[in-house]
Each structure stands twice: as structure tokens, then as C-alpha cells.
Amino acid sequence: MGQRLDEFRAAAAECLEAAQSTEDVKAATTLLSMARKWLELADKQPPMEDRLQTQLPEFNRRQLFGD
């Protein structure tokens, strides 16, 4: 999951860099919006430990009792 978050943040950084490089105001606005969305996605991803703690009991139950 950490790699995925890094990819989201890298995409945001690319959008910011492209926004700074363009003189087209509309394109810059779109790129800044895209960067914000990439960062929002990165922030919404729960840390792996949290996901593990919430999913582990169900996994164990399925392993013990089947479905």
C-alpha cells in the first residue's frame, strides 16, 4: 500500500510541476485540481496497520469456519 500512496503523491507532484510550467491558465487550473484529487486519494487510504486490524478478524473467522 505504501507504494501506491507514493504513486499518488508522485502523480500530484507531476501535476504541480506541469501547472507551474504552463502559461495556459485553464490548463494550470485543471492540473492543480488534478493534483488536489491525487493528494485526496493518498490521504483517504487508511494506513496498512489499520486495514490489517479491521480485516484480520474476518479473515481468521473464514479460515476457521469457512463460508
N, C-alpha and C. Protein backbone atom coordinates (compact mmCIF):
# COMPACT_ATOMS: atom_id res chain seq x y z
N MET A 1 0.81 -1.20 0.00
CA MET A 1 0.00 0.00 0.00
C MET A 1 0.85 1.25 0.00
N GLY A 2 1.99 1.21 0.71
CA GLY A 2 2.86 2.37 0.75
C GLY A 2 3.31 2.79 -0.63
N GLN A 3 3.56 1.81 -1.49
CA GLN A 3 3.98 2.13 -2.85
C GLN A 3 2.87 2.86 -3.59
N ARG A 4 1.66 2.44 -3.37
CA ARG A 4 0.52 3.07 -4.05
C ARG A 4 0.38 4.53 -3.60
N LEU A 5 0.54 4.77 -2.30
CA LEU A 5 0.46 6.14 -1.79
C LEU A 5 1.57 6.99 -2.40
N ASP A 6 2.76 6.40 -2.52
CA ASP A 6 3.87 7.12 -3.15
C ASP A 6 3.55 7.46 -4.60
N GLU A 7 2.88 6.53 -5.28
CA GLU A 7 2.49 6.78 -6.68
C GLU A 7 1.47 7.92 -6.76
N PHE A 8 0.50 7.94 -5.83
CA PHE A 8 -0.48 9.02 -5.81
C PHE A 8 0.21 10.36 -5.59
N ARG A 9 1.13 10.39 -4.63
CA ARG A 9 1.83 11.64 -4.33
C ARG A 9 2.74 12.06 -5.49
N ALA A 10 3.35 11.08 -6.16
CA ALA A 10 4.19 11.40 -7.31
C ALA A 10 3.35 11.98 -8.44
N ALA A 11 2.15 11.44 -8.64
CA ALA A 11 1.26 11.97 -9.67
C ALA A 11 0.86 13.40 -9.34
N ALA A 12 0.61 13.67 -8.05
CA ALA A 12 0.27 15.03 -7.63
C ALA A 12 1.44 15.97 -7.90
N ALA A 13 2.64 15.53 -7.59
CA ALA A 13 3.83 16.36 -7.82
C ALA A 13 4.02 16.64 -9.30
N GLU A 14 3.76 15.66 -10.15
CA GLU A 14 3.86 15.87 -11.59
C GLU A 14 2.85 16.91 -12.06
N CYS A 15 1.65 16.83 -11.54
CA CYS A 15 0.62 17.81 -11.90
C CYS A 15 1.03 19.21 -11.46
N LEU A 16 1.57 19.33 -10.25
CA LEU A 16 2.01 20.64 -9.76
C LEU A 16 3.14 21.20 -10.62
N GLU A 17 4.08 20.34 -10.97
CA GLU A 17 5.20 20.77 -11.81
C GLU A 17 4.70 21.23 -13.18
N ALA A 18 3.79 20.47 -13.75
CA ALA A 18 3.25 20.84 -15.06
C ALA A 18 2.45 22.15 -14.96
N ALA A 19 1.72 22.34 -13.87
CA ALA A 19 0.95 23.57 -13.69
C ALA A 19 1.87 24.79 -13.61
N GLN A 20 3.02 24.62 -12.97
CA GLN A 20 3.97 25.72 -12.85
C GLN A 20 4.67 26.00 -14.18
N SER A 21 4.71 25.00 -15.04
CA SER A 21 5.44 25.14 -16.30
C SER A 21 4.61 25.73 -17.43
N THR A 22 3.31 25.75 -17.26
CA THR A 22 2.46 26.21 -18.36
C THR A 22 2.06 27.68 -18.18
N GLU A 23 1.84 28.32 -19.29
CA GLU A 23 1.34 29.69 -19.26
C GLU A 23 -0.17 29.73 -19.52
N ASP A 24 -0.74 28.59 -19.82
CA ASP A 24 -2.17 28.47 -20.08
C ASP A 24 -2.90 28.38 -18.74
N VAL A 25 -3.63 29.41 -18.40
CA VAL A 25 -4.30 29.50 -17.10
C VAL A 25 -5.31 28.36 -16.92
N LYS A 26 -6.05 28.05 -17.96
CA LYS A 26 -7.05 26.98 -17.86
C LYS A 26 -6.37 25.64 -17.61
N ALA A 27 -5.29 25.38 -18.33
CA ALA A 27 -4.56 24.12 -18.13
C ALA A 27 -3.97 24.06 -16.73
N ALA A 28 -3.42 25.17 -16.25
CA ALA A 28 -2.84 25.20 -14.91
C ALA A 28 -3.91 24.93 -13.86
N THR A 29 -5.08 25.51 -14.04
CA THR A 29 -6.19 25.30 -13.11
C THR A 29 -6.59 23.83 -13.08
N THR A 30 -6.68 23.22 -14.24
CA THR A 30 -7.03 21.80 -14.33
C THR A 30 -5.96 20.94 -13.67
N LEU A 31 -4.70 21.25 -13.93
CA LEU A 31 -3.61 20.48 -13.33
C LEU A 31 -3.58 20.61 -11.81
N LEU A 32 -3.85 21.80 -11.30
CA LEU A 32 -3.90 21.99 -9.85
C LEU A 32 -5.05 21.21 -9.24
N SER A 33 -6.18 21.18 -9.94
CA SER A 33 -7.31 20.39 -9.47
C SER A 33 -6.97 18.90 -9.45
N MET A 34 -6.29 18.45 -10.48
CA MET A 34 -5.86 17.05 -10.54
C MET A 34 -4.90 16.73 -9.40
N ALA A 35 -3.97 17.63 -9.12
CA ALA A 35 -3.01 17.42 -8.03
C ALA A 35 -3.75 17.29 -6.70
N ARG A 36 -4.73 18.16 -6.49
CA ARG A 36 -5.52 18.10 -5.27
C ARG A 36 -6.23 16.76 -5.14
N LYS A 37 -6.80 16.27 -6.24
CA LYS A 37 -7.50 14.98 -6.21
C LYS A 37 -6.55 13.84 -5.89
N TRP A 38 -5.34 13.85 -6.48
CA TRP A 38 -4.35 12.81 -6.19
C TRP A 38 -4.00 12.82 -4.70
N LEU A 39 -3.82 14.01 -4.14
CA LEU A 39 -3.49 14.09 -2.71
C LEU A 39 -4.66 13.64 -1.84
N GLU A 40 -5.88 13.95 -2.25
CA GLU A 40 -7.04 13.48 -1.51
C GLU A 40 -7.11 11.96 -1.52
N LEU A 41 -6.81 11.35 -2.65
CA LEU A 41 -6.78 9.89 -2.72
C LEU A 41 -5.73 9.32 -1.78
N ALA A 42 -4.57 9.93 -1.77
CA ALA A 42 -3.49 9.46 -0.89
C ALA A 42 -3.90 9.58 0.58
N ASP A 43 -4.58 10.67 0.93
CA ASP A 43 -4.97 10.89 2.31
C ASP A 43 -6.12 9.99 2.75
N LYS A 44 -6.94 9.53 1.81
CA LYS A 44 -8.09 8.69 2.15
C LYS A 44 -7.69 7.24 2.41
N GLN A 45 -6.54 6.84 1.96
CA GLN A 45 -6.10 5.45 2.14
C GLN A 45 -5.70 5.23 3.59
N PRO A 46 -6.37 4.32 4.28
CA PRO A 46 -6.00 4.08 5.67
C PRO A 46 -4.63 3.41 5.73
N PRO A 47 -3.89 3.68 6.79
CA PRO A 47 -2.60 3.01 6.93
C PRO A 47 -2.79 1.50 6.92
N MET A 48 -1.80 0.79 6.43
CA MET A 48 -1.89 -0.66 6.31
C MET A 48 -2.21 -1.32 7.65
N GLU A 49 -1.63 -0.82 8.73
CA GLU A 49 -1.88 -1.43 10.03
C GLU A 49 -3.36 -1.33 10.40
N ASP A 50 -3.98 -0.20 10.11
CA ASP A 50 -5.41 -0.04 10.40
C ASP A 50 -6.24 -1.01 9.58
N ARG A 51 -5.91 -1.14 8.30
CA ARG A 51 -6.65 -2.06 7.44
C ARG A 51 -6.47 -3.49 7.91
N LEU A 52 -5.26 -3.83 8.30
CA LEU A 52 -4.99 -5.19 8.77
C LEU A 52 -5.82 -5.49 10.02
N GLN A 53 -5.85 -4.55 10.95
CA GLN A 53 -6.59 -4.76 12.19
C GLN A 53 -8.08 -4.91 11.96
N THR A 54 -8.61 -4.24 10.95
CA THR A 54 -10.05 -4.35 10.70
C THR A 54 -10.39 -5.59 9.88
N GLN A 55 -9.47 -6.07 9.05
CA GLN A 55 -9.75 -7.21 8.18
C GLN A 55 -9.32 -8.54 8.77
N LEU A 56 -8.37 -8.53 9.69
CA LEU A 56 -7.84 -9.77 10.24
C LEU A 56 -8.88 -10.63 10.94
N PRO A 57 -9.76 -10.08 11.78
CA PRO A 57 -10.76 -10.94 12.42
C PRO A 57 -11.65 -11.68 11.41
N GLU A 58 -12.08 -11.00 10.38
CA GLU A 58 -12.92 -11.65 9.37
C GLU A 58 -12.14 -12.73 8.63
N PHE A 59 -10.90 -12.46 8.31
CA PHE A 59 -10.05 -13.45 7.64
C PHE A 59 -9.91 -14.69 8.52
N ASN A 60 -9.62 -14.47 9.79
CA ASN A 60 -9.47 -15.60 10.71
C ASN A 60 -10.76 -16.40 10.84
N ARG A 61 -11.89 -15.71 10.93
CA ARG A 61 -13.17 -16.40 11.02
C ARG A 61 -13.40 -17.29 9.81
N ARG A 62 -13.10 -16.75 8.64
CA ARG A 62 -13.29 -17.53 7.40
C ARG A 62 -12.35 -18.73 7.36
N GLN A 63 -11.14 -18.56 7.85
CA GLN A 63 -10.19 -19.66 7.85
C GLN A 63 -10.66 -20.76 8.80
N LEU A 64 -11.22 -20.37 9.93
CA LEU A 64 -11.64 -21.36 10.92
C LEU A 64 -12.97 -22.02 10.56
N PHE A 65 -13.91 -21.24 10.08
CA PHE A 65 -15.27 -21.75 9.90
C PHE A 65 -15.73 -21.86 8.46
N GLY A 66 -14.94 -21.30 7.53
CA GLY A 66 -15.32 -21.35 6.13
C GLY A 66 -16.49 -20.42 5.84
N ASP A 67 -16.87 -20.42 4.59
CA ASP A 67 -18.01 -19.57 4.20
C ASP A 67 -18.97 -20.32 3.34
